[in-house]
Amino acid sequence: MTPLRQRMIEDMQLRGFAPQTQRSYLSAIRQLAGHYGKSPAEISEEELRQYFLYLTNEKKVSRSTCTVTLCAIKFLYRHTLQRDWPTLQLVRPRRARKLPVILSREEVALLLGCLRLPHYKVCLSTIYACGLRIQEGVQLQVTDIDSARMLLHVRQGKGDKARYVPLPQRTLEQLRSYWSSHRHPRWIFPAPNSQRVALPTATTHLSGGVLRKAFMAALKQSGLTKPATVHTLRHSYATHLLEAGVNLRVIQAYLGHRSPSSTALYTHLTDRAEVKATEIINQLTDQLS
């Protein structure tokens, strides 16, 4: 490991970056170094400018990839190398105007029904039933279950922001049943290592990457054609709550959103909201006649 890489890792740790964020940033910097065949410390501001033009005009990377790359490079040069170049202020990823993919309740049931292995089925079912992000799901611990109040304590929220979400009775029963099959002292979804260590003695939790592969296999088997991902379960959870009449502010708290505008996105995705709006508009115009 080079001293620069070690220094950047330490800087990210001091900032409290999540392990996945650290890996993404290091990967982006590794690609930058590979593009020029030299250390990032030797790259000039003009070369950095040309690299962003290359990503935008030739490679045509997605907005999400561009955002991660920009954030990684900004962090390296501003905080680790102490170079606050004007180019870093100029580059901005293009705005996204896409609405997230949503599965209906029937489609969620169909997809989850295609999962056969218990650890995948229970974990993905919990992610939907509690509106979790994938890392929040795989990192669930035994002590996160508050069965007395029927709440789930989400410790590993985005930005290290913890929250409580309602724990459905059926989900509690599924979690209890699965945990009783291995009784790991810490993790609800433990993962064996490469030596196939038994689950009760596993040293880490289920991998998010492995869970994504299981989801995609189930999606294919279900016959659904929507470009869904594990995160689609969280979007669907929020939309289904809104359709059922749950207050938007309450949903915001369940999802752990800092801004109400993030949660307000789901108002554009509910069929019931559209129907109700149409009914009101018709009533208003009827009065005019």
C-alpha atoms as a PDB file:
ATOM      1  CA  MET A   1       0.000   0.000   0.000  1.00  0.00           C
ATOM      2  CA  THR A   2       1.379   3.387  -0.980  1.00  0.00           C
ATOM      3  CA  PRO A   3       1.740   6.147   1.647  1.00  0.00           C
ATOM      4  CA  LEU A   4      -0.778   8.295  -0.277  1.00  0.00           C
ATOM      5  CA  ARG A   5      -3.403   5.545  -0.264  1.00  0.00           C
ATOM      6  CA  GLN A   6      -2.824   4.919   3.446  1.00  0.00           C
ATOM      7  CA  ARG A   7      -3.121   8.649   4.154  1.00  0.00           C
ATOM      8  CA  MET A   8      -6.394   8.905   2.235  1.00  0.00           C
ATOM      9  CA  ILE A   9      -7.820   5.887   4.092  1.00  0.00           C
ATOM     10  CA  GLU A  10      -6.912   7.474   7.413  1.00  0.00           C
ATOM     11  CA  ASP A  11      -8.464  10.796   6.352  1.00  0.00           C
ATOM     12  CA  MET A  12     -11.706   9.013   5.392  1.00  0.00           C
ATOM     13  CA  GLN A  13     -11.728   7.146   8.688  1.00  0.00           C
ATOM     14  CA  LEU A  14     -11.319  10.429  10.575  1.00  0.00           C
ATOM     15  CA  ARG A  15     -14.305  11.799   8.641  1.00  0.00           C
ATOM     16  CA  GLY A  16     -16.361   8.764   9.669  1.00  0.00           C
ATOM     17  CA  PHE A  17     -16.954   7.486   6.128  1.00  0.00           C
ATOM     18  CA  ALA A  18     -18.729   4.149   5.856  1.00  0.00           C
ATOM     19  CA  PRO A  19     -16.579   1.186   4.686  1.00  0.00           C
ATOM     20  CA  GLN A  20     -18.512   0.968   1.407  1.00  0.00           C
ATOM     21  CA  THR A  21     -17.925   4.675   0.734  1.00  0.00           C
ATOM     22  CA  GLN A  22     -14.212   4.210   1.399  1.00  0.00           C
ATOM     23  CA  ARG A  23     -14.039   1.301  -1.049  1.00  0.00           C
ATOM     24  CA  SER A  24     -15.899   3.288  -3.723  1.00  0.00           C
ATOM     25  CA  TYR A  25     -13.610   6.304  -3.321  1.00  0.00           C
ATOM     26  CA  LEU A  26     -10.450   4.185  -3.463  1.00  0.00           C
ATOM     27  CA  SER A  27     -11.720   2.426  -6.580  1.00  0.00           C
ATOM     28  CA  ALA A  28     -12.363   5.795  -8.280  1.00  0.00           C
ATOM     29  CA  ILE A  29      -8.859   7.024  -7.424  1.00  0.00           C
ATOM     30  CA  ARG A  30      -7.340   3.752  -8.631  1.00  0.00           C
ATOM     31  CA  GLN A  31      -9.049   4.257 -12.009  1.00  0.00           C
ATOM     32  CA  LEU A  32      -7.727   7.815 -12.210  1.00  0.00           C
ATOM     33  CA  ALA A  33      -4.170   6.634 -11.494  1.00  0.00           C
ATOM     34  CA  GLY A  34      -4.518   3.806 -14.008  1.00  0.00           C
ATOM     35  CA  HIS A  35      -5.740   6.191 -16.705  1.00  0.00           C
ATOM     36  CA  TYR A  36      -2.539   8.237 -16.522  1.00  0.00           C
ATOM     37  CA  GLY A  37      -0.221   5.487 -15.325  1.00  0.00           C
ATOM     38  CA  LYS A  38       1.144   7.484 -12.413  1.00  0.00           C
ATOM     39  CA  SER A  39       0.431   8.493  -8.842  1.00  0.00           C
ATOM     40  CA  PRO A  40      -2.466  10.936  -8.343  1.00  0.00           C
ATOM     41  CA  ALA A  41       0.008  13.215  -6.557  1.00  0.00           C
ATOM     42  CA  GLU A  42       1.815  13.690  -9.892  1.00  0.00           C
ATOM     43  CA  ILE A  43      -1.329  14.518 -11.890  1.00  0.00           C
ATOM     44  CA  SER A  44      -1.717  18.176 -12.856  1.00  0.00           C
ATOM     45  CA  GLU A  45      -4.892  20.238 -12.712  1.00  0.00           C
ATOM     46  CA  GLU A  46      -5.109  20.269 -16.514  1.00  0.00           C
ATOM     47  CA  GLU A  47      -4.823  16.468 -16.618  1.00  0.00           C
ATOM     48  CA  LEU A  48      -7.605  16.283 -14.052  1.00  0.00           C
ATOM     49  CA  ARG A  49      -9.760  18.541 -16.215  1.00  0.00           C
ATOM     50  CA  GLN A  50      -9.127  16.358 -19.257  1.00  0.00           C
ATOM     51  CA  TYR A  51     -10.000  13.244 -17.253  1.00  0.00           C
ATOM     52  CA  PHE A  52     -13.443  14.615 -16.410  1.00  0.00           C
ATOM     53  CA  LEU A  53     -13.983  15.535 -20.065  1.00  0.00           C
ATOM     54  CA  TYR A  54     -12.997  11.985 -20.986  1.00  0.00           C
ATOM     55  CA  LEU A  55     -15.523  10.514 -18.532  1.00  0.00           C
ATOM     56  CA  THR A  56     -18.275  12.819 -19.805  1.00  0.00           C
ATOM     57  CA  ASN A  57     -17.696  12.882 -23.564  1.00  0.00           C
ATOM     58  CA  GLU A  58     -16.004   9.587 -24.391  1.00  0.00           C
ATOM     59  CA  LYS A  59     -16.776   7.077 -21.679  1.00  0.00           C
ATOM     60  CA  LYS A  60     -20.206   8.626 -21.028  1.00  0.00           C
ATOM     61  CA  VAL A  61     -20.407   7.356 -17.465  1.00  0.00           C
ATOM     62  CA  SER A  62     -23.684   7.439 -15.576  1.00  0.00           C
ATOM     63  CA  ARG A  63     -24.571  10.294 -13.262  1.00  0.00           C
ATOM     64  CA  SER A  64     -24.059   8.107 -10.175  1.00  0.00           C
ATOM     65  CA  THR A  65     -20.584   7.030 -11.329  1.00  0.00           C
ATOM     66  CA  CYS A  66     -19.662  10.616 -12.138  1.00  0.00           C
ATOM     67  CA  THR A  67     -20.844  11.766  -8.708  1.00  0.00           C
ATOM     68  CA  VAL A  68     -18.808   9.127  -6.852  1.00  0.00           C
ATOM     69  CA  THR A  69     -15.720   9.872  -8.968  1.00  0.00           C
ATOM     70  CA  LEU A  70     -16.048  13.612  -8.422  1.00  0.00           C
ATOM     71  CA  CYS A  71     -16.527  13.240  -4.659  1.00  0.00           C
ATOM     72  CA  ALA A  72     -13.566  10.854  -4.409  1.00  0.00           C
ATOM     73  CA  ILE A  73     -11.242  13.120  -6.376  1.00  0.00           C
ATOM     74  CA  LYS A  74     -12.381  16.224  -4.500  1.00  0.00           C
ATOM     75  CA  PHE A  75     -11.700  14.493  -1.199  1.00  0.00           C
ATOM     76  CA  LEU A  76      -8.240  13.315  -2.254  1.00  0.00           C
ATOM     77  CA  TYR A  77      -7.054  16.642  -3.635  1.00  0.00           C
ATOM     78  CA  ARG A  78      -8.735  18.975  -1.151  1.00  0.00           C
ATOM     79  CA  HIS A  79      -8.223  17.063   2.091  1.00  0.00           C
ATOM     80  CA  THR A  80      -5.363  14.613   1.577  1.00  0.00           C
ATOM     81  CA  LEU A  81      -3.196  16.517  -0.924  1.00  0.00           C
ATOM     82  CA  GLN A  82      -4.363  19.999   0.163  1.00  0.00           C
ATOM     83  CA  ARG A  83      -4.923  21.212  -3.431  1.00  0.00           C
ATOM     84  CA  ASP A  84      -8.164  23.147  -3.810  1.00  0.00           C
ATOM     85  CA  TRP A  85      -7.980  23.633  -7.589  1.00  0.00           C
ATOM     86  CA  PRO A  86     -10.612  25.733  -9.480  1.00  0.00           C
ATOM     87  CA  THR A  87     -11.398  22.692 -11.654  1.00  0.00           C
ATOM     88  CA  LEU A  88     -12.785  20.909  -8.616  1.00  0.00           C
ATOM     89  CA  GLN A  89     -15.365  23.672  -8.195  1.00  0.00           C
ATOM     90  CA  LEU A  90     -16.248  23.749 -11.890  1.00  0.00           C
ATOM     91  CA  VAL A  91     -17.161  20.101 -12.430  1.00  0.00           C
ATOM     92  CA  ARG A  92     -20.765  19.158 -11.625  1.00  0.00           C
ATOM     93  CA  PRO A  93     -22.627  15.920 -12.442  1.00  0.00           C
ATOM     94  CA  ARG A  94     -25.700  16.447 -14.588  1.00  0.00           C
ATOM     95  CA  ARG A  95     -29.023  16.482 -12.799  1.00  0.00           C
ATOM     96  CA  ALA A  96     -31.073  13.310 -12.859  1.00  0.00           C
ATOM     97  CA  ARG A  97     -34.765  13.520 -13.699  1.00  0.00           C
ATOM     98  CA  LYS A  98     -35.646   9.838 -13.418  1.00  0.00           C
ATOM     99  CA  LEU A  99     -38.307   8.421 -11.132  1.00  0.00           C
ATOM    100  CA  PRO A 100     -37.426   5.211  -9.278  1.00  0.00           C
ATOM    101  CA  VAL A 101     -38.795   1.836 -10.314  1.00  0.00           C
ATOM    102  CA  ILE A 102     -41.723   0.676  -8.158  1.00  0.00           C
ATOM    103  CA  LEU A 103     -43.065  -2.844  -7.712  1.00  0.00           C
ATOM    104  CA  SER A 104     -46.718  -3.401  -6.862  1.00  0.00           C
ATOM    105  CA  ARG A 105     -47.588  -5.401  -3.751  1.00  0.00           C
ATOM    106  CA  GLU A 106     -48.352  -8.407  -5.913  1.00  0.00           C
ATOM    107  CA  GLU A 107     -45.020  -8.090  -7.714  1.00  0.00           C
ATOM    108  CA  VAL A 108     -43.125  -7.876  -4.424  1.00  0.00           C
ATOM    109  CA  ALA A 109     -44.855 -11.040  -3.207  1.00  0.00           C
ATOM    110  CA  LEU A 110     -44.098 -12.810  -6.491  1.00  0.00           C
ATOM    111  CA  LEU A 111     -40.416 -11.872  -6.393  1.00  0.00           C
ATOM    112  CA  LEU A 112     -39.888 -12.817  -2.750  1.00  0.00           C
ATOM    113  CA  GLY A 113     -41.691 -16.077  -3.392  1.00  0.00           C
ATOM    114  CA  CYS A 114     -38.975 -17.044  -5.878  1.00  0.00           C
ATOM    115  CA  LEU A 115     -36.312 -17.043  -3.155  1.00  0.00           C
ATOM    116  CA  ARG A 116     -35.611 -20.485  -1.742  1.00  0.00           C
ATOM    117  CA  LEU A 117     -32.649 -20.098   0.630  1.00  0.00           C
ATOM    118  CA  PRO A 118     -33.891 -18.816   4.031  1.00  0.00           C
ATOM    119  CA  HIS A 119     -31.155 -16.217   4.624  1.00  0.00           C
ATOM    120  CA  TYR A 120     -31.889 -14.488   1.313  1.00  0.00           C
ATOM    121  CA  LYS A 121     -35.652 -14.721   1.647  1.00  0.00           C
ATOM    122  CA  VAL A 122     -35.824 -13.450   5.231  1.00  0.00           C
ATOM    123  CA  CYS A 123     -33.273 -10.672   4.678  1.00  0.00           C
ATOM    124  CA  LEU A 124     -34.952  -9.308   1.546  1.00  0.00           C
ATOM    125  CA  SER A 125     -38.401  -9.665   3.128  1.00  0.00           C
ATOM    126  CA  THR A 126     -37.179  -7.629   6.103  1.00  0.00           C
ATOM    127  CA  ILE A 127     -35.682  -4.981   3.822  1.00  0.00           C
ATOM    128  CA  TYR A 128     -39.094  -4.523   2.185  1.00  0.00           C
ATOM    129  CA  ALA A 129     -41.175  -4.787   5.374  1.00  0.00           C
ATOM    130  CA  CYS A 130     -39.072  -2.169   7.177  1.00  0.00           C
ATOM    131  CA  GLY A 131     -37.973   0.043   4.274  1.00  0.00           C
ATOM    132  CA  LEU A 132     -34.269  -0.637   4.783  1.00  0.00           C
ATOM    133  CA  ARG A 133     -31.240   0.064   2.637  1.00  0.00           C
ATOM    134  CA  ILE A 134     -29.290  -3.056   1.711  1.00  0.00           C
ATOM    135  CA  GLN A 135     -26.459  -2.463   4.187  1.00  0.00           C
ATOM    136  CA  GLU A 136     -28.960  -1.725   6.932  1.00  0.00           C
ATOM    137  CA  GLY A 137     -30.518  -5.115   6.239  1.00  0.00           C
ATOM    138  CA  VAL A 138     -27.428  -7.313   6.126  1.00  0.00           C
ATOM    139  CA  GLN A 139     -25.926  -5.621   9.214  1.00  0.00           C
ATOM    140  CA  LEU A 140     -28.916  -6.238  11.505  1.00  0.00           C
ATOM    141  CA  GLN A 141     -27.920  -7.421  14.955  1.00  0.00           C
ATOM    142  CA  VAL A 142     -29.798  -9.461  17.530  1.00  0.00           C
ATOM    143  CA  THR A 143     -29.961  -6.481  19.879  1.00  0.00           C
ATOM    144  CA  ASP A 144     -31.661  -4.377  17.174  1.00  0.00           C
ATOM    145  CA  ILE A 145     -34.922  -6.272  17.669  1.00  0.00           C
ATOM    146  CA  ASP A 146     -37.234  -4.611  20.182  1.00  0.00           C
ATOM    147  CA  SER A 147     -40.078  -7.119  20.355  1.00  0.00           C
ATOM    148  CA  ALA A 148     -41.648  -5.431  23.393  1.00  0.00           C
ATOM    149  CA  ARG A 149     -42.342  -2.263  21.404  1.00  0.00           C
ATOM    150  CA  MET A 150     -42.416  -4.012  18.001  1.00  0.00           C
ATOM    151  CA  LEU A 151     -39.673  -1.763  16.662  1.00  0.00           C
ATOM    152  CA  LEU A 152     -36.500  -2.353  14.682  1.00  0.00           C
ATOM    153  CA  HIS A 153     -33.470  -0.281  15.645  1.00  0.00           C
ATOM    154  CA  VAL A 154     -31.558   0.739  12.513  1.00  0.00           C
ATOM    155  CA  ARG A 155     -28.055   1.499  13.764  1.00  0.00           C
ATOM    156  CA  GLN A 156     -26.153   1.627  10.485  1.00  0.00           C
ATOM    157  CA  GLY A 157     -28.255   4.283   8.771  1.00  0.00           C
ATOM    158  CA  LYS A 158     -26.879   6.570   6.068  1.00  0.00           C
ATOM    159  CA  GLY A 159     -24.567   9.136   7.606  1.00  0.00           C
ATOM    160  CA  ASP A 160     -24.504   7.089  10.838  1.00  0.00           C
ATOM    161  CA  LYS A 161     -28.017   8.350  11.576  1.00  0.00           C
ATOM    162  CA  ALA A 162     -29.897   5.808  13.682  1.00  0.00           C
ATOM    163  CA  ARG A 163     -33.679   5.456  13.663  1.00  0.00           C
ATOM    164  CA  TYR A 164     -36.527   3.174  14.739  1.00  0.00           C
ATOM    165  CA  VAL A 165     -39.007   1.659  12.283  1.00  0.00           C
ATOM    166  CA  PRO A 166     -42.140  -0.408  12.932  1.00  0.00           C
ATOM    167  CA  LEU A 167     -41.513  -4.161  13.028  1.00  0.00           C
ATOM    168  CA  PRO A 168     -44.451  -6.151  11.598  1.00  0.00           C
ATOM    169  CA  GLN A 169     -45.475  -9.247  13.556  1.00  0.00           C
ATOM    170  CA  ARG A 170     -44.888 -11.564  10.593  1.00  0.00           C
ATOM    171  CA  THR A 171     -41.403 -10.114  10.059  1.00  0.00           C
ATOM    172  CA  LEU A 172     -40.583 -10.639  13.734  1.00  0.00           C
ATOM    173  CA  GLU A 173     -41.672 -14.275  13.444  1.00  0.00           C
ATOM    174  CA  GLN A 174     -39.529 -14.759  10.321  1.00  0.00           C
ATOM    175  CA  LEU A 175     -36.483 -13.215  12.008  1.00  0.00           C
ATOM    176  CA  ARG A 176     -36.928 -15.345  15.121  1.00  0.00           C
ATOM    177  CA  SER A 177     -37.366 -18.527  13.122  1.00  0.00           C
ATOM    178  CA  TYR A 178     -34.287 -17.890  10.991  1.00  0.00           C
ATOM    179  CA  TRP A 179     -32.096 -16.805  13.905  1.00  0.00           C
ATOM    180  CA  SER A 180     -33.048 -19.944  15.860  1.00  0.00           C
ATOM    181  CA  SER A 181     -31.513 -22.004  13.039  1.00  0.00           C
ATOM    182  CA  HIS A 182     -28.005 -20.678  13.816  1.00  0.00           C
ATOM    183  CA  ARG A 183     -28.185 -18.628  17.061  1.00  0.00           C
ATOM    184  CA  HIS A 184     -25.246 -16.392  16.239  1.00  0.00           C
ATOM    185  CA  PRO A 185     -24.519 -14.205  19.303  1.00  0.00           C
ATOM    186  CA  ARG A 186     -24.396 -11.008  17.262  1.00  0.00           C
ATOM    187  CA  TRP A 187     -25.570 -11.132  13.642  1.00  0.00           C
ATOM    188  CA  ILE A 188     -29.060 -12.019  12.474  1.00  0.00           C
ATOM    189  CA  PHE A 189     -27.666 -12.759   9.012  1.00  0.00           C
ATOM    190  CA  PRO A 190     -24.148 -14.141   9.596  1.00  0.00           C
ATOM    191  CA  ALA A 191     -21.985 -15.178   6.669  1.00  0.00           C
ATOM    192  CA  PRO A 192     -19.445 -18.025   6.587  1.00  0.00           C
ATOM    193  CA  ASN A 193     -15.953 -17.160   5.393  1.00  0.00           C
ATOM    194  CA  SER A 194     -14.029 -18.823   2.584  1.00  0.00           C
ATOM    195  CA  GLN A 195     -13.254 -21.818   4.831  1.00  0.00           C
ATOM    196  CA  ARG A 196     -17.003 -22.442   5.218  1.00  0.00           C
ATOM    197  CA  VAL A 197     -17.044 -21.758   8.934  1.00  0.00           C
ATOM    198  CA  ALA A 198     -20.349 -22.679  10.573  1.00  0.00           C
ATOM    199  CA  LEU A 199     -22.809 -19.793  10.901  1.00  0.00           C
ATOM    200  CA  PRO A 200     -22.753 -19.641  14.740  1.00  0.00           C
ATOM    201  CA  THR A 201     -19.031 -18.803  14.624  1.00  0.00           C
ATOM    202  CA  ALA A 202     -19.043 -16.536  11.553  1.00  0.00           C
ATOM    203  CA  THR A 203     -16.946 -13.410  11.941  1.00  0.00           C
ATOM    204  CA  THR A 204     -18.997 -11.103   9.738  1.00  0.00           C
ATOM    205  CA  HIS A 205     -22.468 -10.542   8.343  1.00  0.00           C
ATOM    206  CA  LEU A 206     -24.017 -11.475   4.999  1.00  0.00           C
ATOM    207  CA  SER A 207     -22.466  -9.690   2.031  1.00  0.00           C
ATOM    208  CA  GLY A 208     -24.506  -7.048   0.231  1.00  0.00           C
ATOM    209  CA  GLY A 209     -23.045  -8.174  -3.089  1.00  0.00           C
ATOM    210  CA  VAL A 210     -24.152 -11.758  -2.557  1.00  0.00           C
ATOM    211  CA  LEU A 211     -27.641 -10.568  -1.609  1.00  0.00           C
ATOM    212  CA  ARG A 212     -27.850  -8.498  -4.800  1.00  0.00           C
ATOM    213  CA  LYS A 213     -27.025 -11.573  -6.889  1.00  0.00           C
ATOM    214  CA  ALA A 214     -29.763 -13.551  -5.139  1.00  0.00           C
ATOM    215  CA  PHE A 215     -32.240 -10.731  -5.794  1.00  0.00           C
ATOM    216  CA  MET A 216     -31.379 -10.558  -9.487  1.00  0.00           C
ATOM    217  CA  ALA A 217     -31.730 -14.343  -9.834  1.00  0.00           C
ATOM    218  CA  ALA A 218     -35.177 -14.187  -8.195  1.00  0.00           C
ATOM    219  CA  LEU A 219     -36.167 -11.245 -10.416  1.00  0.00           C
ATOM    220  CA  LYS A 220     -35.262 -13.243 -13.503  1.00  0.00           C
ATOM    221  CA  GLN A 221     -37.117 -16.305 -12.276  1.00  0.00           C
ATOM    222  CA  SER A 222     -40.216 -14.243 -11.465  1.00  0.00           C
ATOM    223  CA  GLY A 223     -40.573 -13.133 -15.076  1.00  0.00           C
ATOM    224  CA  LEU A 224     -40.866  -9.470 -14.066  1.00  0.00           C
ATOM    225  CA  THR A 225     -39.438  -7.135 -16.694  1.00  0.00           C
ATOM    226  CA  LYS A 226     -38.988  -4.022 -14.556  1.00  0.00           C
ATOM    227  CA  PRO A 227     -35.323  -3.002 -14.030  1.00  0.00           C
ATOM    228  CA  ALA A 228     -35.589  -3.514 -10.284  1.00  0.00           C
ATOM    229  CA  THR A 229     -32.787  -3.701  -7.707  1.00  0.00           C
ATOM    230  CA  VAL A 230     -32.717  -4.438  -3.983  1.00  0.00           C
ATOM    231  CA  HIS A 231     -33.237  -0.700  -3.370  1.00  0.00           C
ATOM    232  CA  THR A 232     -36.502  -0.966  -5.326  1.00  0.00           C
ATOM    233  CA  LEU A 233     -37.952  -2.773  -2.302  1.00  0.00           C
ATOM    234  CA  ARG A 234     -37.357   0.359  -0.207  1.00  0.00           C
ATOM    235  CA  HIS A 235     -38.955   2.591  -2.852  1.00  0.00           C
ATOM    236  CA  SER A 236     -41.922   0.216  -3.049  1.00  0.00           C
ATOM    237  CA  TYR A 237     -42.300   0.206   0.750  1.00  0.00           C
ATOM    238  CA  ALA A 238     -42.556   4.004   0.841  1.00  0.00           C
ATOM    239  CA  THR A 239     -44.989   4.122  -2.078  1.00  0.00           C
ATOM    240  CA  HIS A 240     -47.232   1.438  -0.604  1.00  0.00           C
ATOM    241  CA  LEU A 241     -47.362   3.268   2.736  1.00  0.00           C
ATOM    242  CA  LEU A 242     -48.313   6.490   0.988  1.00  0.00           C
ATOM    243  CA  GLU A 243     -51.026   4.714  -0.998  1.00  0.00           C
ATOM    244  CA  ALA A 244     -52.385   3.325   2.271  1.00  0.00           C
ATOM    245  CA  GLY A 245     -52.766   6.854   3.646  1.00  0.00           C
ATOM    246  CA  VAL A 246     -49.717   7.101   5.912  1.00  0.00           C
ATOM    247  CA  ASN A 247     -48.632  10.697   6.459  1.00  0.00           C
ATOM    248  CA  LEU A 248     -45.647  11.807   4.374  1.00  0.00           C
ATOM    249  CA  ARG A 249     -43.841  13.149   7.446  1.00  0.00           C
ATOM    250  CA  VAL A 250     -44.147   9.766   9.149  1.00  0.00           C
ATOM    251  CA  ILE A 251     -42.756   8.007   6.079  1.00  0.00           C
ATOM    252  CA  GLN A 252     -39.853  10.456   6.062  1.00  0.00           C
ATOM    253  CA  ALA A 253     -38.975   9.408   9.618  1.00  0.00           C
ATOM    254  CA  TYR A 254     -39.233   5.709   8.751  1.00  0.00           C
ATOM    255  CA  LEU A 255     -36.905   6.118   5.769  1.00  0.00           C
ATOM    256  CA  GLY A 256     -34.430   8.300   7.650  1.00  0.00           C
ATOM    257  CA  HIS A 257     -34.592  11.105   5.079  1.00  0.00           C
ATOM    258  CA  ARG A 258     -33.150  14.425   6.194  1.00  0.00           C
ATOM    259  CA  SER A 259     -35.155  16.477   3.719  1.00  0.00           C
ATOM    260  CA  PRO A 260     -38.942  16.227   3.146  1.00  0.00           C
ATOM    261  CA  SER A 261     -38.288  16.763  -0.565  1.00  0.00           C
ATOM    262  CA  SER A 262     -36.593  13.357  -0.754  1.00  0.00           C
ATOM    263  CA  THR A 263     -39.737  11.669   0.538  1.00  0.00           C
ATOM    264  CA  ALA A 264     -42.095  13.877  -1.491  1.00  0.00           C
ATOM    265  CA  LEU A 265     -40.810  12.120  -4.603  1.00  0.00           C
ATOM    266  CA  TYR A 266     -43.141   9.215  -3.851  1.00  0.00           C
ATOM    267  CA  THR A 267     -46.227  11.384  -4.292  1.00  0.00           C
ATOM    268  CA  HIS A 268     -45.555  11.160  -8.043  1.00  0.00           C
ATOM    269  CA  LEU A 269     -45.582   7.368  -7.938  1.00  0.00           C
ATOM    270  CA  THR A 270     -48.875   6.506  -6.274  1.00  0.00           C
ATOM    271  CA  ASP A 271     -51.826   5.508  -8.417  1.00  0.00           C
ATOM    272  CA  ARG A 272     -54.246   6.296  -5.630  1.00  0.00           C
ATOM    273  CA  ALA A 273     -52.907   9.838  -5.278  1.00  0.00           C
ATOM    274  CA  GLU A 274     -53.342  10.376  -9.011  1.00  0.00           C
ATOM    275  CA  VAL A 275     -56.920   9.093  -8.907  1.00  0.00           C
ATOM    276  CA  LYS A 276     -57.780  11.270  -5.919  1.00  0.00           C
ATOM    277  CA  ALA A 277     -56.270  14.339  -7.575  1.00  0.00           C
ATOM    278  CA  THR A 278     -58.269  13.665 -10.740  1.00  0.00           C
ATOM    279  CA  GLU A 279     -61.477  13.338  -8.711  1.00  0.00           C
ATOM    280  CA  ILE A 280     -60.851  16.680  -6.988  1.00  0.00           C
ATOM    281  CA  ILE A 281     -60.074  18.388 -10.287  1.00  0.00           C
ATOM    282  CA  ASN A 282     -63.322  17.027 -11.745  1.00  0.00           C
ATOM    283  CA  GLN A 283     -65.256  18.335  -8.740  1.00  0.00           C
ATOM    284  CA  LEU A 284     -63.740  21.782  -9.172  1.00  0.00           C
ATOM    285  CA  THR A 285     -64.609  21.932 -12.860  1.00  0.00           C
ATOM    286  CA  ASP A 286     -68.128  20.575 -12.244  1.00  0.00           C
ATOM    287  CA  GLN A 287     -68.790  23.546 -10.008  1.00  0.00           C
ATOM    288  CA  LEU A 288     -67.863  25.882 -12.832  1.00  0.00           C
ATOM    289  CA  SER A 289     -70.648  24.529 -15.024  1.00  0.00           C
END
